[in-house]
Amino acid sequence: MSETLWNKLGKLTKMDGVLIGLLAIGLVVSGISLFRGITKDNQVQVEYLDATRSGLSDRELIKKLVVDIEGAVFSPGVYELSGGSRIKDVLIAAGGFTEKADRMFCEKNLNLAQEVKDGQKIYIPFLTDTPTDMGYVEAKNNIRLVNLNTATVGELDTLWGVGPARAESIVKNRPYASVDEVVSRGGMTKQILEKNREKLTVY
């Protein structure tokens, strides 16, 4: 039987051989395509969207911040800003310093590059607000206030519960945008702050 098959194959023309070859190639290509199709169907495609492709900036992806700025600015009030905003952005929104603002004090104690927090209050002092005696400010009720941003280590040491080491820590972590920041930055405990709150200021 095998001899008969070989005899028949021997009688095939060159054209028949070419056709058989093309048929074999077609079967192989079809098999490969089918295999790839099955594999592709089983794969999960994941598309990552970044801020650039979605049309959103980094700041727009962060929640909005609400900040209160008062004092010697042209338009004091509450402003809504993009996440990641800085104190300089709040000042721009409020129209900047007025001629009555104590610019020298702000240059020394206000960090314009500091990132603002939601709910933060910023006060820009007038020339008449700033201390005339180093780190002390005379309050209306005659209590001698200690300015956390300008007081010396010795002046801070006069506060309840504040020793030389804690006073050094307070000075090291300046400037403070609010009195409460002295706790979050490790200068005082909450208990010490509450004991001294009436004597403290940052402007």
N, C-alpha and C. Protein backbone atom coordinates (compact mmCIF):
# COMPACT_ATOMS: atom_id res chain seq x y z
N MET A 1 0.84 -1.21 0.00
CA MET A 1 0.00 0.00 0.00
C MET A 1 0.86 1.25 0.00
N SER A 2 1.98 1.19 0.80
CA SER A 2 2.91 2.32 0.84
C SER A 2 3.56 2.54 -0.51
N GLU A 3 3.82 1.42 -1.26
CA GLU A 3 4.42 1.58 -2.58
C GLU A 3 3.46 2.27 -3.53
N THR A 4 2.16 1.95 -3.38
CA THR A 4 1.15 2.60 -4.23
C THR A 4 1.09 4.09 -3.96
N LEU A 5 1.18 4.50 -2.61
CA LEU A 5 1.15 5.92 -2.24
C LEU A 5 2.35 6.66 -2.81
N TRP A 6 3.51 6.04 -2.70
CA TRP A 6 4.72 6.66 -3.25
C TRP A 6 4.64 6.78 -4.77
N ASN A 7 4.01 5.78 -5.40
CA ASN A 7 3.87 5.86 -6.85
C ASN A 7 2.99 7.02 -7.26
N LYS A 8 1.90 7.20 -6.46
CA LYS A 8 0.98 8.31 -6.76
C LYS A 8 1.66 9.66 -6.54
N LEU A 9 2.46 9.73 -5.44
CA LEU A 9 3.15 10.99 -5.17
C LEU A 9 4.17 11.31 -6.26
N GLY A 10 4.74 10.26 -6.77
CA GLY A 10 5.73 10.46 -7.81
C GLY A 10 5.12 11.00 -9.08
N LYS A 11 3.81 10.73 -9.28
CA LYS A 11 3.15 11.18 -10.50
C LYS A 11 2.65 12.63 -10.39
N LEU A 12 2.76 13.25 -9.19
CA LEU A 12 2.29 14.63 -9.03
C LEU A 12 3.18 15.58 -9.82
N THR A 13 2.54 16.57 -10.36
CA THR A 13 3.28 17.59 -11.10
C THR A 13 3.87 18.60 -10.15
N LYS A 14 4.74 19.44 -10.67
CA LYS A 14 5.33 20.50 -9.84
C LYS A 14 4.26 21.45 -9.32
N MET A 15 3.24 21.69 -10.15
CA MET A 15 2.15 22.58 -9.72
C MET A 15 1.41 22.00 -8.54
N ASP A 16 1.17 20.68 -8.59
CA ASP A 16 0.49 20.02 -7.46
C ASP A 16 1.32 20.16 -6.19
N GLY A 17 2.63 20.04 -6.31
CA GLY A 17 3.52 20.17 -5.14
C GLY A 17 3.45 21.56 -4.52
N VAL A 18 3.41 22.54 -5.40
CA VAL A 18 3.33 23.93 -4.92
C VAL A 18 2.03 24.15 -4.17
N LEU A 19 0.93 23.63 -4.74
CA LEU A 19 -0.38 23.79 -4.09
C LEU A 19 -0.42 23.12 -2.73
N ILE A 20 0.14 21.93 -2.66
CA ILE A 20 0.17 21.22 -1.38
C ILE A 20 1.01 21.99 -0.36
N GLY A 21 2.12 22.56 -0.82
CA GLY A 21 2.99 23.35 0.08
C GLY A 21 2.27 24.57 0.62
N LEU A 22 1.55 25.26 -0.27
CA LEU A 22 0.80 26.45 0.16
C LEU A 22 -0.29 26.08 1.14
N LEU A 23 -0.95 24.94 0.89
CA LEU A 23 -2.00 24.47 1.79
C LEU A 23 -1.44 24.19 3.18
N ALA A 24 -0.26 23.58 3.23
CA ALA A 24 0.37 23.26 4.51
C ALA A 24 0.74 24.53 5.27
N ILE A 25 1.28 25.51 4.54
CA ILE A 25 1.64 26.79 5.16
C ILE A 25 0.41 27.49 5.71
N GLY A 26 -0.69 27.43 4.92
CA GLY A 26 -1.94 28.06 5.36
C GLY A 26 -2.46 27.46 6.65
N LEU A 27 -2.35 26.11 6.76
CA LEU A 27 -2.82 25.43 7.98
C LEU A 27 -1.98 25.84 9.20
N VAL A 28 -0.67 25.97 9.00
CA VAL A 28 0.21 26.37 10.11
C VAL A 28 -0.11 27.79 10.58
N VAL A 29 -0.28 28.72 9.59
CA VAL A 29 -0.60 30.11 9.94
C VAL A 29 -1.93 30.21 10.66
N SER A 30 -2.92 29.44 10.21
CA SER A 30 -4.24 29.46 10.84
C SER A 30 -4.15 28.96 12.29
N GLY A 31 -3.35 27.92 12.47
CA GLY A 31 -3.19 27.38 13.82
C GLY A 31 -2.56 28.38 14.77
N ILE A 32 -1.52 29.08 14.29
CA ILE A 32 -0.86 30.09 15.12
C ILE A 32 -1.80 31.23 15.47
N SER A 33 -2.56 31.70 14.48
CA SER A 33 -3.51 32.80 14.71
C SER A 33 -4.57 32.41 15.72
N LEU A 34 -5.07 31.20 15.62
CA LEU A 34 -6.08 30.71 16.56
C LEU A 34 -5.53 30.66 17.97
N PHE A 35 -4.29 30.20 18.12
CA PHE A 35 -3.64 30.11 19.44
C PHE A 35 -3.48 31.50 20.06
N ARG A 36 -3.04 32.47 19.23
CA ARG A 36 -2.86 33.84 19.74
C ARG A 36 -4.19 34.45 20.14
N GLY A 37 -5.23 34.17 19.39
CA GLY A 37 -6.55 34.72 19.71
C GLY A 37 -7.06 34.22 21.05
N ILE A 38 -6.84 32.93 21.31
CA ILE A 38 -7.28 32.36 22.59
C ILE A 38 -6.51 32.98 23.74
N THR A 39 -5.18 33.14 23.55
CA THR A 39 -4.33 33.72 24.60
C THR A 39 -4.72 35.16 24.88
N LYS A 40 -4.99 35.93 23.85
CA LYS A 40 -5.33 37.34 24.00
C LYS A 40 -6.63 37.52 24.73
N ASP A 41 -7.62 36.61 24.47
CA ASP A 41 -8.91 36.70 25.14
C ASP A 41 -8.79 36.51 26.63
N ASN A 42 -7.76 35.75 27.05
CA ASN A 42 -7.60 35.44 28.47
C ASN A 42 -6.80 36.50 29.21
N GLN A 43 -6.24 37.47 28.49
CA GLN A 43 -5.45 38.50 29.12
C GLN A 43 -6.32 39.69 29.51
N VAL A 44 -6.00 40.33 30.67
CA VAL A 44 -6.73 41.50 31.14
C VAL A 44 -5.88 42.73 30.86
N GLN A 45 -6.42 43.65 30.13
CA GLN A 45 -5.70 44.87 29.80
C GLN A 45 -5.99 45.92 30.86
N VAL A 46 -4.92 46.50 31.42
CA VAL A 46 -5.05 47.54 32.44
C VAL A 46 -4.47 48.82 31.91
N GLU A 47 -5.25 49.89 31.98
CA GLU A 47 -4.79 51.19 31.48
C GLU A 47 -4.63 52.13 32.66
N TYR A 48 -3.45 52.70 32.80
CA TYR A 48 -3.17 53.62 33.89
C TYR A 48 -3.34 55.05 33.40
N LEU A 49 -4.13 55.81 34.10
CA LEU A 49 -4.35 57.20 33.73
C LEU A 49 -3.54 58.10 34.66
N ASP A 50 -2.69 58.91 34.09
CA ASP A 50 -1.96 59.86 34.92
C ASP A 50 -2.59 61.23 34.80
N ALA A 51 -2.07 62.19 35.58
CA ALA A 51 -2.66 63.52 35.63
C ALA A 51 -2.61 64.21 34.28
N THR A 52 -1.54 63.99 33.52
CA THR A 52 -1.38 64.66 32.23
C THR A 52 -2.39 64.17 31.22
N ARG A 53 -2.56 62.83 31.14
CA ARG A 53 -3.48 62.26 30.15
C ARG A 53 -4.92 62.55 30.50
N SER A 54 -5.24 62.67 31.81
CA SER A 54 -6.62 62.93 32.19
C SER A 54 -6.97 64.41 32.11
N GLY A 55 -5.96 65.25 31.81
CA GLY A 55 -6.22 66.66 31.67
C GLY A 55 -6.25 67.40 32.99
N LEU A 56 -5.86 66.76 34.12
CA LEU A 56 -5.89 67.39 35.44
C LEU A 56 -4.47 67.63 35.92
N SER A 57 -4.25 68.78 36.53
CA SER A 57 -2.95 69.06 37.11
C SER A 57 -2.85 68.39 38.47
N ASP A 58 -1.62 68.35 39.02
CA ASP A 58 -1.43 67.75 40.34
C ASP A 58 -2.25 68.46 41.39
N ARG A 59 -2.30 69.79 41.33
CA ARG A 59 -3.03 70.54 42.33
C ARG A 59 -4.53 70.28 42.25
N GLU A 60 -5.06 70.08 41.02
CA GLU A 60 -6.49 69.83 40.87
C GLU A 60 -6.86 68.46 41.39
N LEU A 61 -5.89 67.55 41.44
CA LEU A 61 -6.17 66.23 41.96
C LEU A 61 -6.23 66.21 43.48
N ILE A 62 -5.67 67.25 44.13
CA ILE A 62 -5.70 67.36 45.58
C ILE A 62 -6.90 68.20 45.97
N LYS A 63 -7.49 67.90 47.12
CA LYS A 63 -8.70 68.61 47.52
C LYS A 63 -8.45 70.10 47.70
N LYS A 64 -9.52 70.88 47.68
CA LYS A 64 -9.43 72.32 47.85
C LYS A 64 -9.15 72.65 49.31
N LEU A 65 -8.52 73.80 49.53
CA LEU A 65 -8.21 74.27 50.87
C LEU A 65 -8.94 75.58 51.12
N VAL A 66 -9.42 75.75 52.35
CA VAL A 66 -10.06 77.00 52.74
C VAL A 66 -9.19 77.66 53.79
N VAL A 67 -8.75 78.89 53.51
CA VAL A 67 -7.80 79.59 54.39
C VAL A 67 -8.33 80.99 54.70
N ASP A 68 -8.14 81.42 55.95
CA ASP A 68 -8.57 82.75 56.39
C ASP A 68 -7.34 83.63 56.56
N ILE A 69 -7.31 84.76 55.86
CA ILE A 69 -6.19 85.70 56.00
C ILE A 69 -6.75 87.06 56.44
N GLU A 70 -6.17 87.60 57.50
CA GLU A 70 -6.65 88.86 58.05
C GLU A 70 -5.46 89.79 58.29
N GLY A 71 -5.78 91.01 58.71
CA GLY A 71 -4.73 91.97 59.03
C GLY A 71 -4.45 92.94 57.90
N ALA A 72 -3.18 93.28 57.73
CA ALA A 72 -2.78 94.34 56.80
C ALA A 72 -2.64 93.85 55.36
N VAL A 73 -3.75 93.37 54.80
CA VAL A 73 -3.81 93.01 53.39
C VAL A 73 -4.99 93.76 52.77
N PHE A 74 -4.98 93.93 51.45
CA PHE A 74 -6.00 94.73 50.79
C PHE A 74 -7.40 94.10 50.85
N SER A 75 -7.47 92.78 50.77
CA SER A 75 -8.77 92.12 50.79
C SER A 75 -8.78 90.96 51.78
N PRO A 76 -8.83 91.25 53.07
CA PRO A 76 -8.86 90.17 54.06
C PRO A 76 -10.14 89.35 53.92
N GLY A 77 -10.06 88.09 54.31
CA GLY A 77 -11.24 87.24 54.23
C GLY A 77 -10.87 85.77 54.09
N VAL A 78 -11.89 84.97 53.74
CA VAL A 78 -11.72 83.52 53.59
C VAL A 78 -11.61 83.20 52.11
N TYR A 79 -10.59 82.42 51.76
CA TYR A 79 -10.33 82.08 50.36
C TYR A 79 -10.24 80.58 50.16
N GLU A 80 -10.71 80.14 49.01
CA GLU A 80 -10.60 78.73 48.63
C GLU A 80 -9.46 78.60 47.63
N LEU A 81 -8.50 77.75 47.95
CA LEU A 81 -7.32 77.59 47.10
C LEU A 81 -7.10 76.12 46.76
N SER A 82 -6.29 75.88 45.76
CA SER A 82 -5.97 74.51 45.38
C SER A 82 -5.04 73.88 46.40
N GLY A 83 -5.13 72.57 46.54
CA GLY A 83 -4.23 71.85 47.43
C GLY A 83 -2.79 72.08 47.02
N GLY A 84 -1.91 72.19 48.02
CA GLY A 84 -0.51 72.44 47.75
C GLY A 84 -0.17 73.91 47.65
N SER A 85 -1.15 74.80 47.91
CA SER A 85 -0.88 76.24 47.83
C SER A 85 0.04 76.67 48.96
N ARG A 86 0.74 77.77 48.74
CA ARG A 86 1.68 78.32 49.70
C ARG A 86 1.14 79.63 50.28
N ILE A 87 1.80 80.12 51.33
CA ILE A 87 1.35 81.36 51.95
C ILE A 87 1.39 82.51 50.94
N LYS A 88 2.38 82.50 50.04
CA LYS A 88 2.45 83.56 49.03
C LYS A 88 1.20 83.54 48.13
N ASP A 89 0.64 82.36 47.88
CA ASP A 89 -0.58 82.26 47.07
C ASP A 89 -1.77 82.89 47.79
N VAL A 90 -1.82 82.73 49.12
CA VAL A 90 -2.89 83.34 49.90
C VAL A 90 -2.76 84.85 49.87
N LEU A 91 -1.53 85.34 49.98
CA LEU A 91 -1.29 86.78 49.93
C LEU A 91 -1.70 87.37 48.59
N ILE A 92 -1.38 86.66 47.52
CA ILE A 92 -1.77 87.13 46.18
C ILE A 92 -3.28 87.20 46.06
N ALA A 93 -3.96 86.18 46.58
CA ALA A 93 -5.43 86.15 46.52
C ALA A 93 -6.03 87.31 47.31
N ALA A 94 -5.35 87.71 48.40
CA ALA A 94 -5.86 88.80 49.24
C ALA A 94 -5.37 90.17 48.78
N GLY A 95 -4.70 90.24 47.67
CA GLY A 95 -4.28 91.52 47.11
C GLY A 95 -2.93 92.02 47.58
N GLY A 96 -2.26 91.25 48.46
CA GLY A 96 -0.94 91.63 48.92
C GLY A 96 -0.96 92.54 50.14
N PHE A 97 0.24 92.94 50.60
CA PHE A 97 0.38 93.80 51.78
C PHE A 97 -0.15 95.20 51.50
N THR A 98 -0.74 95.83 52.51
CA THR A 98 -1.06 97.25 52.41
C THR A 98 0.15 98.06 52.87
N GLU A 99 0.06 99.39 52.72
CA GLU A 99 1.17 100.24 53.15
C GLU A 99 1.34 100.25 54.67
N LYS A 100 0.31 99.79 55.39
CA LYS A 100 0.38 99.77 56.85
C LYS A 100 0.92 98.45 57.40
N ALA A 101 1.23 97.50 56.52
CA ALA A 101 1.74 96.21 56.97
C ALA A 101 3.19 96.34 57.44
N ASP A 102 3.53 95.59 58.45
CA ASP A 102 4.91 95.58 58.93
C ASP A 102 5.70 94.58 58.08
N ARG A 103 6.22 95.05 56.97
CA ARG A 103 6.91 94.18 56.02
C ARG A 103 8.20 93.59 56.60
N MET A 104 8.90 94.38 57.41
CA MET A 104 10.14 93.88 57.99
C MET A 104 9.86 92.70 58.92
N PHE A 105 8.81 92.80 59.72
CA PHE A 105 8.45 91.71 60.61
C PHE A 105 8.08 90.46 59.81
N CYS A 106 7.32 90.66 58.72
CA CYS A 106 6.89 89.52 57.88
C CYS A 106 8.09 88.86 57.21
N GLU A 107 9.05 89.66 56.78
CA GLU A 107 10.25 89.11 56.15
C GLU A 107 11.02 88.21 57.10
N LYS A 108 11.03 88.58 58.38
CA LYS A 108 11.78 87.82 59.37
C LYS A 108 11.02 86.60 59.88
N ASN A 109 9.70 86.69 59.93
CA ASN A 109 8.93 85.65 60.63
C ASN A 109 7.92 84.90 59.78
N LEU A 110 7.65 85.37 58.57
CA LEU A 110 6.65 84.72 57.73
C LEU A 110 7.34 84.01 56.57
N ASN A 111 7.15 82.71 56.49
CA ASN A 111 7.75 81.91 55.42
C ASN A 111 6.77 81.82 54.26
N LEU A 112 6.99 82.61 53.23
CA LEU A 112 6.06 82.66 52.09
C LEU A 112 6.00 81.34 51.33
N ALA A 113 7.03 80.51 51.48
CA ALA A 113 7.06 79.23 50.76
C ALA A 113 6.39 78.11 51.55
N GLN A 114 5.93 78.42 52.76
CA GLN A 114 5.30 77.39 53.59
C GLN A 114 3.97 76.96 53.00
N GLU A 115 3.73 75.65 52.96
CA GLU A 115 2.48 75.12 52.44
C GLU A 115 1.36 75.33 53.46
N VAL A 116 0.23 75.84 53.01
CA VAL A 116 -0.88 76.12 53.92
C VAL A 116 -1.73 74.87 54.13
N LYS A 117 -2.44 74.86 55.25
CA LYS A 117 -3.31 73.73 55.59
C LYS A 117 -4.76 74.16 55.54
N ASP A 118 -5.64 73.21 55.34
CA ASP A 118 -7.06 73.50 55.31
C ASP A 118 -7.50 74.04 56.67
N GLY A 119 -8.21 75.17 56.65
CA GLY A 119 -8.69 75.76 57.89
C GLY A 119 -7.70 76.67 58.58
N GLN A 120 -6.54 76.90 57.97
CA GLN A 120 -5.49 77.71 58.61
C GLN A 120 -5.86 79.20 58.59
N LYS A 121 -5.45 79.90 59.65
CA LYS A 121 -5.64 81.35 59.72
C LYS A 121 -4.28 82.02 59.66
N ILE A 122 -4.18 83.04 58.82
CA ILE A 122 -2.93 83.81 58.68
C ILE A 122 -3.23 85.26 59.02
N TYR A 123 -2.42 85.83 59.88
CA TYR A 123 -2.60 87.24 60.24
C TYR A 123 -1.36 88.03 59.86
N ILE A 124 -1.56 89.08 59.08
CA ILE A 124 -0.46 89.97 58.68
C ILE A 124 -0.51 91.19 59.58
N PRO A 125 0.50 91.38 60.42
CA PRO A 125 0.45 92.46 61.41
C PRO A 125 0.62 93.85 60.79
N PHE A 126 -0.05 94.82 61.45
CA PHE A 126 0.15 96.22 61.10
C PHE A 126 1.40 96.71 61.82
N LEU A 127 1.92 97.84 61.40
CA LEU A 127 3.10 98.41 62.04
C LEU A 127 2.85 98.64 63.53
N THR A 128 1.61 98.94 63.88
CA THR A 128 1.28 99.22 65.28
C THR A 128 1.11 97.95 66.11
N ASP A 129 1.09 96.77 65.45
CA ASP A 129 0.88 95.52 66.17
C ASP A 129 2.18 94.91 66.68
N THR A 130 3.26 95.19 66.03
CA THR A 130 4.50 94.47 66.29
C THR A 130 5.15 94.91 67.59
N PRO A 131 5.91 94.03 68.22
CA PRO A 131 6.49 94.32 69.52
C PRO A 131 7.57 95.40 69.47
N THR A 132 7.67 96.15 70.57
CA THR A 132 8.69 97.18 70.67
C THR A 132 9.80 96.76 71.64
N ASP A 133 9.59 95.64 72.33
CA ASP A 133 10.55 95.18 73.33
C ASP A 133 10.91 93.73 73.09
N MET A 134 11.76 93.48 72.08
CA MET A 134 12.22 92.13 71.76
C MET A 134 11.04 91.18 71.55
N GLY A 135 11.00 90.10 72.32
CA GLY A 135 9.97 89.08 72.12
C GLY A 135 8.71 89.32 72.90
N TYR A 136 8.59 90.47 73.56
CA TYR A 136 7.39 90.74 74.35
C TYR A 136 6.47 91.71 73.64
N VAL A 137 5.17 91.55 73.86
CA VAL A 137 4.17 92.46 73.33
C VAL A 137 3.27 92.87 74.47
N GLU A 138 2.99 94.18 74.60
CA GLU A 138 2.11 94.64 75.65
C GLU A 138 0.66 94.52 75.18
N ALA A 139 -0.11 93.64 75.83
CA ALA A 139 -1.51 93.46 75.48
C ALA A 139 -2.36 94.54 76.13
N LYS A 140 -3.60 94.67 75.66
CA LYS A 140 -4.49 95.70 76.18
C LYS A 140 -4.81 95.48 77.66
N ASN A 141 -4.82 94.23 78.09
CA ASN A 141 -5.13 93.94 79.49
C ASN A 141 -3.87 93.93 80.34
N ASN A 142 -2.78 94.53 79.82
CA ASN A 142 -1.52 94.68 80.54
C ASN A 142 -0.79 93.36 80.80
N ILE A 143 -1.20 92.28 80.12
CA ILE A 143 -0.47 91.02 80.21
C ILE A 143 0.69 91.10 79.22
N ARG A 144 1.86 90.79 79.66
CA ARG A 144 3.03 90.85 78.80
C ARG A 144 3.10 89.57 77.98
N LEU A 145 2.77 89.66 76.69
CA LEU A 145 2.73 88.49 75.83
C LEU A 145 4.13 88.10 75.34
N VAL A 146 4.32 86.82 75.17
CA VAL A 146 5.59 86.30 74.65
C VAL A 146 5.37 85.89 73.19
N ASN A 147 6.14 86.46 72.30
CA ASN A 147 6.02 86.15 70.87
C ASN A 147 6.88 84.92 70.56
N LEU A 148 6.22 83.84 70.17
CA LEU A 148 6.94 82.59 69.89
C LEU A 148 7.93 82.72 68.75
N ASN A 149 7.72 83.69 67.87
CA ASN A 149 8.59 83.85 66.70
C ASN A 149 9.79 84.76 66.94
N THR A 150 9.75 85.55 68.01
CA THR A 150 10.85 86.50 68.22
C THR A 150 11.47 86.43 69.62
N ALA A 151 10.82 85.75 70.55
CA ALA A 151 11.32 85.71 71.93
C ALA A 151 12.66 84.97 72.02
N THR A 152 13.47 85.40 72.95
CA THR A 152 14.75 84.73 73.19
C THR A 152 14.53 83.48 74.03
N VAL A 153 15.56 82.65 74.13
CA VAL A 153 15.47 81.45 74.96
C VAL A 153 15.17 81.83 76.41
N GLY A 154 15.79 82.90 76.89
CA GLY A 154 15.55 83.35 78.26
C GLY A 154 14.12 83.79 78.48
N GLU A 155 13.54 84.49 77.50
CA GLU A 155 12.15 84.94 77.62
C GLU A 155 11.18 83.76 77.58
N LEU A 156 11.46 82.79 76.74
CA LEU A 156 10.61 81.60 76.67
C LEU A 156 10.72 80.78 77.96
N ASP A 157 11.87 80.83 78.59
CA ASP A 157 12.10 80.08 79.83
C ASP A 157 11.25 80.60 80.98
N THR A 158 10.67 81.79 80.84
CA THR A 158 9.82 82.34 81.90
C THR A 158 8.42 81.75 81.88
N LEU A 159 8.08 81.03 80.82
CA LEU A 159 6.74 80.43 80.71
C LEU A 159 6.63 79.20 81.59
N TRP A 160 5.39 78.91 82.00
CA TRP A 160 5.11 77.74 82.84
C TRP A 160 5.47 76.46 82.08
N GLY A 161 6.25 75.60 82.69
CA GLY A 161 6.58 74.30 82.12
C GLY A 161 7.61 74.31 81.01
N VAL A 162 8.19 75.49 80.74
CA VAL A 162 9.19 75.59 79.66
C VAL A 162 10.57 75.83 80.28
N GLY A 163 11.46 74.88 80.08
CA GLY A 163 12.84 75.02 80.53
C GLY A 163 13.75 75.38 79.38
N PRO A 164 15.05 75.45 79.62
CA PRO A 164 16.00 75.81 78.56
C PRO A 164 15.95 74.89 77.35
N ALA A 165 15.82 73.57 77.58
CA ALA A 165 15.80 72.62 76.46
C ALA A 165 14.56 72.81 75.60
N ARG A 166 13.41 72.98 76.26
CA ARG A 166 12.17 73.18 75.51
C ARG A 166 12.18 74.53 74.80
N ALA A 167 12.76 75.52 75.44
CA ALA A 167 12.85 76.84 74.81
C ALA A 167 13.71 76.78 73.54
N GLU A 168 14.80 76.02 73.60
CA GLU A 168 15.66 75.83 72.43
C GLU A 168 14.89 75.16 71.30
N SER A 169 14.06 74.18 71.65
CA SER A 169 13.25 73.48 70.65
C SER A 169 12.25 74.42 69.99
N ILE A 170 11.65 75.31 70.78
CA ILE A 170 10.69 76.27 70.23
C ILE A 170 11.39 77.19 69.23
N VAL A 171 12.58 77.67 69.60
CA VAL A 171 13.33 78.57 68.71
C VAL A 171 13.74 77.84 67.43
N LYS A 172 14.14 76.59 67.56
CA LYS A 172 14.62 75.81 66.41
C LYS A 172 13.54 75.59 65.36
N ASN A 173 12.28 75.48 65.79
CA ASN A 173 11.19 75.14 64.87
C ASN A 173 10.44 76.36 64.34
N ARG A 174 10.96 77.56 64.54
CA ARG A 174 10.34 78.76 63.98
C ARG A 174 10.41 78.77 62.45
N PRO A 175 9.52 79.55 61.78
CA PRO A 175 8.46 80.39 62.36
C PRO A 175 7.16 79.61 62.55
N TYR A 176 6.26 80.16 63.35
CA TYR A 176 4.96 79.56 63.60
C TYR A 176 3.88 80.45 62.99
N ALA A 177 2.98 79.84 62.24
CA ALA A 177 1.88 80.60 61.64
C ALA A 177 0.76 80.82 62.65
N SER A 178 0.71 79.99 63.68
CA SER A 178 -0.30 80.12 64.73
C SER A 178 0.30 79.59 66.03
N VAL A 179 -0.30 79.97 67.14
CA VAL A 179 0.17 79.52 68.44
C VAL A 179 0.10 78.01 68.56
N ASP A 180 -0.96 77.41 68.00
CA ASP A 180 -1.16 75.96 68.11
C ASP A 180 -0.07 75.16 67.39
N GLU A 181 0.61 75.77 66.44
CA GLU A 181 1.66 75.05 65.70
C GLU A 181 2.83 74.66 66.59
N VAL A 182 2.99 75.34 67.73
CA VAL A 182 4.10 75.01 68.62
C VAL A 182 3.93 73.61 69.20
N VAL A 183 2.69 73.12 69.25
CA VAL A 183 2.42 71.75 69.72
C VAL A 183 2.72 70.75 68.61
N SER A 184 2.20 70.99 67.41
CA SER A 184 2.39 70.05 66.31
C SER A 184 3.86 69.93 65.90
N ARG A 185 4.66 70.95 66.20
CA ARG A 185 6.09 70.91 65.86
C ARG A 185 6.96 70.44 67.02
N GLY A 186 6.32 70.07 68.13
CA GLY A 186 7.06 69.48 69.23
C GLY A 186 7.70 70.45 70.20
N GLY A 187 7.34 71.75 70.11
CA GLY A 187 7.93 72.71 71.03
C GLY A 187 7.31 72.67 72.41
N MET A 188 6.02 72.35 72.46
CA MET A 188 5.30 72.27 73.74
C MET A 188 4.33 71.10 73.69
N THR A 189 3.94 70.65 74.88
CA THR A 189 2.83 69.70 74.95
C THR A 189 1.54 70.51 74.95
N LYS A 190 0.43 69.85 74.72
CA LYS A 190 -0.85 70.56 74.71
C LYS A 190 -1.15 71.15 76.08
N GLN A 191 -0.77 70.44 77.14
CA GLN A 191 -1.03 70.92 78.49
C GLN A 191 -0.25 72.22 78.77
N ILE A 192 1.02 72.25 78.36
CA ILE A 192 1.84 73.44 78.57
C ILE A 192 1.29 74.61 77.76
N LEU A 193 0.85 74.34 76.53
CA LEU A 193 0.28 75.40 75.71
C LEU A 193 -0.95 76.01 76.38
N GLU A 194 -1.85 75.16 76.87
CA GLU A 194 -3.07 75.66 77.48
C GLU A 194 -2.77 76.48 78.74
N LYS A 195 -1.74 76.10 79.49
CA LYS A 195 -1.36 76.84 80.69
C LYS A 195 -0.84 78.24 80.33
N ASN A 196 -0.24 78.36 79.14
CA ASN A 196 0.39 79.62 78.74
C ASN A 196 -0.34 80.36 77.63
N ARG A 197 -1.44 79.82 77.14
CA ARG A 197 -2.08 80.35 75.94
C ARG A 197 -2.33 81.86 76.00
N GLU A 198 -2.80 82.36 77.13
CA GLU A 198 -3.11 83.78 77.25
C GLU A 198 -1.88 84.67 77.15
N LYS A 199 -0.72 84.08 77.35
CA LYS A 199 0.53 84.86 77.32
C LYS A 199 1.25 84.76 75.98
N LEU A 200 0.72 83.95 75.05
CA LEU A 200 1.44 83.68 73.81
C LEU A 200 0.85 84.37 72.60
N THR A 201 1.72 84.72 71.67
CA THR A 201 1.32 85.27 70.40
C THR A 201 2.37 84.89 69.36
N VAL A 202 2.04 85.04 68.09
CA VAL A 202 3.03 84.76 67.04
C VAL A 202 3.23 86.00 66.16
N TYR A 203 2.54 87.11 66.50
CA TYR A 203 2.65 88.34 65.71
C TYR A 203 3.01 89.51 66.59
